[in-house]
Amino acid sequence: MTIPDPDLLTTWQFELPEQLIASRPAASRDDSRLMILDRRQGTIEHAGIRDLPDRLRSEDLLVFNNTQVIPARLFGYREQTGGRWEGLYVETAASGDWVLLCETRGKLQPGERILVIPADCWQRAALLPEAASQYCQLTLTLLSRTADGSWLVRPDDNRSAVQLLEENGSLPLPPYMGRKIADQTDRERYQPTYASQPGAVAAPTAGLHFTPELLQRCSERGVLRTELTLHVGPGTFRPVTTERLSEHRMHEEWCRLPVTAAAAIRDRSPAGRLVAVGTTSVRTLEAAAAATGAQFPAAWEGRTALFIRPGYEFRAVQGLLTNFHLPGSTLLALVAAFAGFDLVMDGYLRAIEKQYRFYSYGDAMLIL
C-alpha cells in the first residue's frame, strides 16, 4: 500500500461498517481491545487495554489530558417566535459574554432573547412554547454574529458559565451516537476518571479507557504519569469539507503545559519514552515544543491550530495511545503522520476485519 497523495481528502477515506461505530460504551472502561503498532518493526498485534502496563517500559511517561467535558449543549425557545432553539457553548469571551453555536429554523437576529430550558425538562416532555417560561431558568440575549458563524450572547445571570451549564445543559455527545441528550451512562462514562479542568465540549477519548486500577497497575510497573490540559473545541465535530487537507482551516483550541508536566518531561530517564494519551495530548506537547523548545525548559500556555499530517516532524512525542478515528478526518492524518500511512491503514483494515469498535466509545490503538 502506497500513499497516493497525502494532501487529497480521498486518500483518507475508507468504508466503515455502521455496526462498528460504538454508540454505547463497553460494560467496563477496561474491557476495550487494544491494537499495538510497532513503528520500527512494522508489526501489528492484538491485545486488550488491560495489557497496556505490560506493553510499556518502566520509566515511560504517560501524558494525560485532564480536561473535563462540560454540559455545553443547551435547549430552548426563541422568545419572539416560539421556535425551538439549540445551542452549543464554546467559550467565554474576554468581555464575559458567551460564544455559542446556534441551531434553529429561521434567521436569528441581534437583540433576540432565548429562553433556555434545563435539559432534564426538555427530555421529559415536549414543551409547548407558551409553557416555556415556567421552565426557563436562564435567558440569553443575542448580541452579534462573529466571522466564523458563532454568536456572542449575554446570559441574564452573572454566575460562572460552568455553574450555569451544570444547571441547564447536557453533555454534548457526538452526532453519530444518535441522541442529543446524555443519559446517566453517558454522564458517568463520557469523561475520563481523572478529568479535573472544566472546559471541553468533547471528551479526550483515549483517556476513557483508564480505570483507577489500570492507572495503579501502570504505576506499579514503574510507568510515570503527568497531566496537561487542552479544552477540546467544537471543531472536533466538523468534518473536512475541502478537497485537499492543505485547504482545511484547523480550529483553535486553548491548551496548557503546566510547570509540573514540563519538569516531568525534562526529568524522565533517557530510556523513558514520552507517550501521549490521545491526539489532544500530542497537539499540546508538539505546540509547546515548538514554542519553548523540545527540552521543555518552561511551562507554556496558549491557543493552537496545529494541523499534524504526513510530512510533519515530531519534536517530542515517542508513543501514542489513541482511539480509531473517522474516515477522512484530521485525526486519522495525525496518526498516520506519526506511524506511517501504510502501517496505520493496514491496522485500520485489520480492525474492520476483526470487528474492533470505532470512535469515542470504541477500542484503542497503541503506537510505539
Protein backbone atom coordinates (compact mmCIF):
# COMPACT_ATOMS: atom_id res chain seq x y z
CA MET A 1 0.00 0.00 0.00
CA THR A 2 1.49 3.31 -1.05
CA ILE A 3 0.08 6.70 -0.17
CA PRO A 4 -1.08 8.30 -3.46
CA ASP A 5 -1.26 11.93 -2.39
CA PRO A 6 -1.38 12.74 1.34
CA ASP A 7 -2.95 16.10 0.64
CA LEU A 8 -6.03 14.68 -1.09
CA LEU A 9 -9.02 14.07 1.17
CA THR A 10 -9.91 10.96 -0.84
CA THR A 11 -6.65 9.36 0.33
CA TRP A 12 -8.05 9.22 3.86
CA GLN A 13 -11.41 7.66 3.05
CA PHE A 14 -12.34 4.04 3.73
CA GLU A 15 -15.52 2.02 4.11
CA LEU A 16 -16.51 1.63 7.75
CA PRO A 17 -19.41 -0.73 8.52
CA GLU A 18 -22.03 1.09 10.56
CA GLN A 19 -22.20 -1.69 13.14
CA LEU A 20 -18.60 -0.98 14.18
CA ILE A 21 -19.43 2.56 15.30
CA ALA A 22 -19.62 2.45 19.09
CA SER A 23 -22.65 4.47 20.16
CA ARG A 24 -22.54 2.96 23.66
CA PRO A 25 -19.57 2.20 25.92
CA ALA A 26 -18.28 -1.27 26.74
CA ALA A 27 -19.52 -2.78 30.01
CA SER A 28 -16.35 -1.58 31.75
CA ARG A 29 -13.81 1.05 30.75
CA ASP A 30 -11.03 -1.51 30.65
CA ASP A 31 -12.97 -4.04 28.55
CA SER A 32 -11.74 -2.34 25.39
CA ARG A 33 -9.50 -4.09 22.92
CA LEU A 34 -6.03 -2.80 22.10
CA MET A 35 -4.22 -2.94 18.76
CA ILE A 36 -0.45 -2.48 19.07
CA LEU A 37 1.58 -1.00 16.21
CA ASP A 38 5.36 -1.20 16.29
CA ARG A 39 6.73 1.53 14.02
CA ARG A 40 10.25 0.12 13.88
CA GLN A 41 9.29 -3.47 13.14
CA GLY A 42 6.19 -2.61 11.13
CA THR A 43 4.17 -5.18 13.07
CA ILE A 44 0.59 -5.29 14.33
CA GLU A 45 -0.54 -7.21 17.41
CA HIS A 46 -3.89 -7.65 19.14
CA ALA A 47 -4.40 -7.39 22.90
CA GLY A 48 -6.67 -5.72 25.44
CA ILE A 49 -6.38 -2.37 27.20
CA ARG A 50 -5.70 -4.29 30.43
CA ASP A 51 -2.42 -5.40 28.79
CA LEU A 52 -1.23 -1.81 28.46
CA PRO A 53 1.06 -1.82 31.55
CA ASP A 54 2.92 -4.85 30.19
CA ARG A 55 3.45 -3.10 26.85
CA LEU A 56 5.10 -0.08 28.42
CA ARG A 57 8.57 0.23 29.91
CA SER A 58 9.47 1.21 33.40
CA GLU A 59 10.11 4.99 33.36
CA ASP A 60 7.96 5.59 30.28
CA LEU A 61 5.97 8.80 30.85
CA LEU A 62 2.25 8.79 30.07
CA VAL A 63 0.89 12.28 29.35
CA PHE A 64 -2.84 12.68 30.00
CA ASN A 65 -5.18 15.48 29.01
CA ASN A 66 -7.10 16.33 32.21
CA THR A 67 -9.76 18.48 30.54
CA GLN A 68 -13.31 17.88 31.76
CA VAL A 69 -16.29 17.84 29.43
CA ILE A 70 -18.86 20.43 30.46
CA PRO A 71 -22.63 20.15 29.81
CA ALA A 72 -22.35 22.60 26.93
CA ARG A 73 -25.42 21.51 24.94
CA LEU A 74 -28.36 23.86 25.55
CA PHE A 75 -32.04 23.72 24.55
CA GLY A 76 -34.70 26.38 24.50
CA TYR A 77 -37.11 28.62 22.62
CA ARG A 78 -36.88 31.91 20.79
CA GLU A 79 -38.93 34.28 22.90
CA GLN A 80 -40.09 36.31 19.90
CA THR A 81 -41.22 33.50 17.60
CA GLY A 82 -41.65 30.48 19.89
CA GLY A 83 -39.37 28.48 17.61
CA ARG A 84 -37.24 25.71 19.05
CA TRP A 85 -33.57 26.52 19.53
CA GLU A 86 -30.44 24.51 20.30
CA GLY A 87 -27.04 25.87 21.20
CA LEU A 88 -23.53 24.74 21.97
CA TYR A 89 -21.42 26.74 24.40
CA VAL A 90 -17.91 27.22 23.02
CA GLU A 91 -16.15 29.52 25.48
CA THR A 92 -16.42 32.72 27.48
CA ALA A 93 -15.08 35.79 25.69
CA ALA A 94 -12.82 38.35 27.35
CA SER A 95 -15.89 40.57 27.79
CA GLY A 96 -17.58 37.90 29.92
CA ASP A 97 -20.13 37.17 27.21
CA TRP A 98 -20.52 33.65 25.85
CA VAL A 99 -19.59 32.35 22.42
CA LEU A 100 -22.25 29.91 21.17
CA LEU A 101 -23.07 27.91 18.08
CA CYS A 102 -26.82 28.16 17.46
CA GLU A 103 -29.26 25.98 15.53
CA THR A 104 -32.86 26.94 14.80
CA ARG A 105 -35.30 27.42 11.96
CA GLY A 106 -35.30 30.88 10.54
CA LYS A 107 -32.66 33.57 10.77
CA LEU A 108 -31.64 34.74 14.22
CA GLN A 109 -31.38 38.47 14.82
CA PRO A 110 -29.23 40.52 17.23
CA GLY A 111 -31.27 41.50 20.26
CA GLU A 112 -33.35 38.32 20.29
CA ARG A 113 -33.81 36.54 23.62
CA ILE A 114 -33.55 32.79 24.08
CA LEU A 115 -35.43 31.07 26.89
CA VAL A 116 -33.15 28.20 27.96
CA ILE A 117 -34.94 25.10 29.26
CA PRO A 118 -33.00 22.74 31.57
CA ALA A 119 -32.06 19.62 29.64
CA ASP A 120 -33.91 17.27 32.01
CA CYS A 121 -37.16 19.19 31.45
CA TRP A 122 -36.60 19.25 27.69
CA GLN A 123 -36.24 15.49 27.66
CA ARG A 124 -39.21 14.71 29.90
CA ALA A 125 -41.86 16.37 27.81
CA ALA A 126 -42.48 18.11 24.52
CA LEU A 127 -42.93 21.58 25.93
CA LEU A 128 -45.32 23.99 24.36
CA PRO A 129 -43.78 27.38 23.58
CA GLU A 130 -46.34 29.14 25.75
CA ALA A 131 -45.29 26.99 28.72
CA ALA A 132 -41.58 27.59 28.21
CA SER A 133 -41.36 30.48 30.64
CA GLN A 134 -42.34 28.33 33.63
CA TYR A 135 -39.35 26.03 33.00
CA CYS A 136 -36.90 28.73 32.00
CA GLN A 137 -34.08 29.40 34.49
CA LEU A 138 -31.73 31.23 32.14
CA THR A 139 -32.25 33.78 29.39
CA LEU A 140 -29.68 34.56 26.72
CA THR A 141 -29.62 37.75 24.64
CA LEU A 142 -28.05 37.50 21.19
CA LEU A 143 -25.54 40.32 20.72
CA SER A 144 -23.78 39.79 17.40
CA ARG A 145 -22.65 37.12 14.98
CA THR A 146 -18.93 36.51 14.64
CA ALA A 147 -16.90 35.94 11.49
CA ASP A 148 -16.90 32.16 11.94
CA GLY A 149 -20.69 31.97 12.26
CA SER A 150 -20.93 31.65 16.04
CA TRP A 151 -22.88 34.09 18.21
CA LEU A 152 -21.81 36.33 21.04
CA VAL A 153 -24.55 36.15 23.68
CA ARG A 154 -25.11 37.58 27.13
CA PRO A 155 -26.67 35.48 29.92
CA ASP A 156 -29.01 37.23 32.36
CA ASP A 157 -27.20 35.56 35.29
CA ASN A 158 -23.69 36.63 36.29
CA ARG A 159 -22.67 33.31 37.82
CA SER A 160 -19.88 31.34 36.14
CA ALA A 161 -20.53 29.60 32.84
CA VAL A 162 -19.64 26.25 34.39
CA GLN A 163 -22.26 26.66 37.11
CA LEU A 164 -24.99 27.80 34.72
CA LEU A 165 -24.24 24.99 32.28
CA GLU A 166 -24.33 22.43 35.09
CA GLU A 167 -27.85 23.60 35.95
CA ASN A 168 -29.17 23.86 32.39
CA GLY A 169 -27.09 21.88 29.92
CA SER A 170 -26.32 18.38 28.76
CA LEU A 171 -23.03 16.76 27.77
CA PRO A 172 -22.56 17.42 24.04
CA LEU A 173 -22.42 13.91 22.59
CA PRO A 174 -21.07 13.39 19.06
CA PRO A 175 -23.86 13.30 16.45
CA TYR A 176 -23.18 9.68 15.44
CA MET A 177 -24.31 8.47 18.87
CA GLY A 178 -27.85 9.25 17.81
CA ARG A 179 -29.04 11.03 20.96
CA LYS A 180 -28.95 14.71 21.72
CA ILE A 181 -29.26 14.46 25.48
CA ALA A 182 -26.78 12.45 27.52
CA ASP A 183 -28.20 9.77 29.80
CA GLN A 184 -26.84 8.57 33.13
CA THR A 185 -24.42 6.14 31.48
CA ASP A 186 -23.00 8.94 29.34
CA ARG A 187 -22.63 11.19 32.37
CA GLU A 188 -20.53 8.51 34.01
CA ARG A 189 -18.56 7.25 31.02
CA TYR A 190 -18.13 10.17 28.59
CA GLN A 191 -15.50 11.62 30.89
CA PRO A 192 -12.04 10.40 31.96
CA THR A 193 -11.93 9.34 35.61
CA TYR A 194 -9.08 11.81 36.24
CA ALA A 195 -10.72 14.82 34.49
CA SER A 196 -10.36 17.92 36.65
CA GLN A 197 -10.27 21.05 34.46
CA PRO A 198 -13.75 22.02 33.13
CA GLY A 199 -13.85 23.44 29.62
CA ALA A 200 -14.13 20.79 26.87
CA VAL A 201 -17.12 20.21 24.61
CA ALA A 202 -15.89 16.73 23.63
CA ALA A 203 -14.03 14.05 25.57
CA PRO A 204 -10.35 13.24 25.01
CA THR A 205 -11.42 9.74 24.17
CA ALA A 206 -8.18 7.78 24.62
CA GLY A 207 -8.45 8.60 28.31
CA LEU A 208 -11.87 6.98 28.64
CA HIS A 209 -10.28 3.52 28.92
CA PHE A 210 -8.45 4.18 32.19
CA THR A 211 -9.83 2.91 35.47
CA PRO A 212 -8.13 3.74 38.79
CA GLU A 213 -7.00 0.11 38.86
CA LEU A 214 -5.38 0.35 35.42
CA LEU A 215 -3.60 3.54 36.43
CA GLN A 216 -2.38 1.80 39.59
CA ARG A 217 -1.04 -1.14 37.59
CA CYS A 218 0.85 1.27 35.33
CA SER A 219 2.35 2.88 38.41
CA GLU A 220 3.36 -0.49 39.86
CA ARG A 221 5.07 -1.26 36.57
CA GLY A 222 7.19 1.87 37.05
CA VAL A 223 5.38 3.86 34.39
CA LEU A 224 5.24 7.57 35.25
CA ARG A 225 2.40 9.97 34.51
CA THR A 226 1.78 13.67 34.21
CA GLU A 227 -1.08 15.87 33.01
CA LEU A 228 -1.65 18.80 30.70
CA THR A 229 -4.85 20.49 29.53
CA LEU A 230 -6.38 21.04 26.11
CA HIS A 231 -10.03 22.05 26.08
CA VAL A 232 -11.42 20.13 23.12
CA GLY A 233 -13.47 22.53 20.98
CA PRO A 234 -16.47 22.15 18.65
CA GLY A 235 -14.16 21.81 15.67
CA THR A 236 -13.76 18.18 16.62
CA PHE A 237 -17.32 17.61 15.28
CA ARG A 238 -16.65 19.40 11.98
CA PRO A 239 -15.66 17.19 9.04
CA VAL A 240 -13.08 18.19 6.46
CA THR A 241 -15.04 19.64 3.53
CA THR A 242 -12.18 20.76 1.28
CA GLU A 243 -10.72 18.53 -1.43
CA ARG A 244 -7.22 19.00 -0.04
CA LEU A 245 -6.11 18.90 3.58
CA SER A 246 -3.89 21.93 2.99
CA GLU A 247 -7.05 23.96 2.32
CA HIS A 248 -8.68 22.91 5.60
CA ARG A 249 -8.74 25.52 8.32
CA MET A 250 -7.95 23.88 11.64
CA HIS A 251 -9.92 25.05 14.68
CA GLU A 252 -8.07 26.77 17.52
CA GLU A 253 -8.10 25.27 20.99
CA TRP A 254 -6.76 26.56 24.29
CA CYS A 255 -4.13 24.40 25.93
CA ARG A 256 -1.61 24.49 28.76
CA LEU A 257 1.54 22.59 29.64
CA PRO A 258 1.96 23.29 33.36
CA VAL A 259 5.25 23.56 35.24
CA THR A 260 4.78 20.08 36.70
CA ALA A 261 4.42 18.48 33.27
CA ALA A 262 7.39 20.34 31.79
CA ALA A 263 9.52 19.22 34.75
CA ALA A 264 8.33 15.60 34.47
CA ILE A 265 9.30 15.54 30.79
CA ARG A 266 12.72 17.08 31.44
CA ASP A 267 13.47 14.83 34.40
CA ARG A 268 12.47 11.49 32.91
CA SER A 269 15.10 8.83 32.26
CA PRO A 270 16.67 8.77 28.77
CA ALA A 271 15.23 5.25 28.48
CA GLY A 272 11.73 6.50 29.23
CA ARG A 273 9.54 7.28 26.23
CA LEU A 274 7.13 10.21 26.10
CA VAL A 275 3.77 8.50 25.40
CA ALA A 276 0.84 10.79 24.68
CA VAL A 277 -2.60 9.59 25.74
CA GLY A 278 -4.73 10.90 22.90
CA THR A 279 -4.27 13.21 19.96
CA THR A 280 -5.09 16.24 22.11
CA SER A 281 -2.03 15.49 24.26
CA VAL A 282 0.03 15.18 21.07
CA ARG A 283 -1.08 18.57 19.81
CA THR A 284 -0.38 20.24 23.15
CA LEU A 285 3.05 18.68 23.51
CA GLU A 286 4.05 19.50 19.96
CA ALA A 287 2.71 23.06 20.19
CA ALA A 288 4.60 23.60 23.44
CA ALA A 289 7.80 22.11 21.99
CA ALA A 290 7.54 24.44 19.00
CA ALA A 291 7.04 27.44 21.30
CA THR A 292 9.61 26.72 24.01
CA GLY A 293 11.91 24.03 22.62
CA ALA A 294 11.94 20.23 22.60
CA GLN A 295 13.64 20.16 26.00
CA PHE A 296 10.58 21.82 27.56
CA PRO A 297 12.53 24.41 29.58
CA ALA A 298 9.38 26.08 30.89
CA ALA A 299 5.62 25.89 31.18
CA TRP A 300 3.57 27.08 28.22
CA GLU A 301 0.01 28.24 27.68
CA GLY A 302 -1.72 29.43 24.53
CA ARG A 303 -4.02 28.60 21.66
CA THR A 304 -3.07 26.17 18.95
CA ALA A 305 -4.36 25.45 15.46
CA LEU A 306 -1.58 22.95 14.81
CA PHE A 307 -2.53 20.58 11.98
CA ILE A 308 -0.34 17.47 12.08
CA ARG A 309 -0.33 15.46 8.86
CA PRO A 310 2.22 13.41 6.88
CA GLY A 311 5.43 15.35 6.46
CA TYR A 312 5.28 16.80 9.96
CA GLU A 313 8.44 16.29 12.03
CA PHE A 314 7.62 15.37 15.62
CA ARG A 315 9.67 17.21 18.22
CA ALA A 316 8.55 15.46 21.39
CA VAL A 317 6.15 12.52 21.21
CA GLN A 318 7.58 8.98 21.08
CA GLY A 319 4.45 6.93 21.66
CA LEU A 320 0.71 7.37 21.25
CA LEU A 321 -2.43 5.76 22.66
CA THR A 322 -5.44 6.71 20.56
CA ASN A 323 -8.89 5.51 19.53
CA PHE A 324 -9.93 4.61 15.97
CA HIS A 325 -10.95 7.71 14.05
CA LEU A 326 -13.38 8.89 11.41
CA PRO A 327 -12.55 8.30 7.73
CA GLY A 328 -11.31 11.49 6.10
CA SER A 329 -10.54 13.15 9.43
CA THR A 330 -7.64 15.30 10.56
CA LEU A 331 -7.12 12.90 13.46
CA LEU A 332 -6.53 9.98 11.10
CA ALA A 333 -3.95 12.12 9.26
CA LEU A 334 -2.23 12.88 12.59
CA VAL A 335 -1.97 9.19 13.48
CA ALA A 336 -0.59 8.37 10.01
CA ALA A 337 1.95 11.19 10.33
CA PHE A 338 3.21 9.52 13.50
CA ALA A 339 3.13 5.85 12.50
CA GLY A 340 3.25 5.93 8.70
CA PHE A 341 0.42 5.71 6.20
CA ASP A 342 0.91 2.06 5.21
CA LEU A 343 1.10 0.74 8.78
CA VAL A 344 -1.88 2.77 10.00
CA MET A 345 -4.16 1.96 7.07
CA ASP A 346 -3.19 -1.71 7.33
CA GLY A 347 -4.11 -1.51 11.01
CA TYR A 348 -7.47 0.07 10.21
CA LEU A 349 -8.28 -2.60 7.63
CA ARG A 350 -7.43 -5.30 10.15
CA ALA A 351 -9.51 -3.53 12.79
CA ILE A 352 -12.52 -3.67 10.48
CA GLU A 353 -11.85 -7.32 9.68
CA LYS A 354 -11.60 -8.23 13.36
CA GLN A 355 -14.62 -6.14 14.39
CA TYR A 356 -12.90 -3.51 16.52
CA ARG A 357 -15.18 -0.75 17.78
CA PHE A 358 -14.59 2.75 16.42
CA TYR A 359 -14.80 6.33 17.73
CA SER A 360 -15.31 7.79 21.18
CA TYR A 361 -16.65 4.70 22.97
CA GLY A 362 -14.56 2.35 20.83
CA ASP A 363 -11.33 0.40 21.15
CA ALA A 364 -7.78 1.71 21.28
CA MET A 365 -4.52 1.62 19.33
CA LEU A 366 -1.08 1.85 20.94
CA ILE A 367 1.71 3.06 18.66
CA LEU A 368 5.31 2.65 19.84
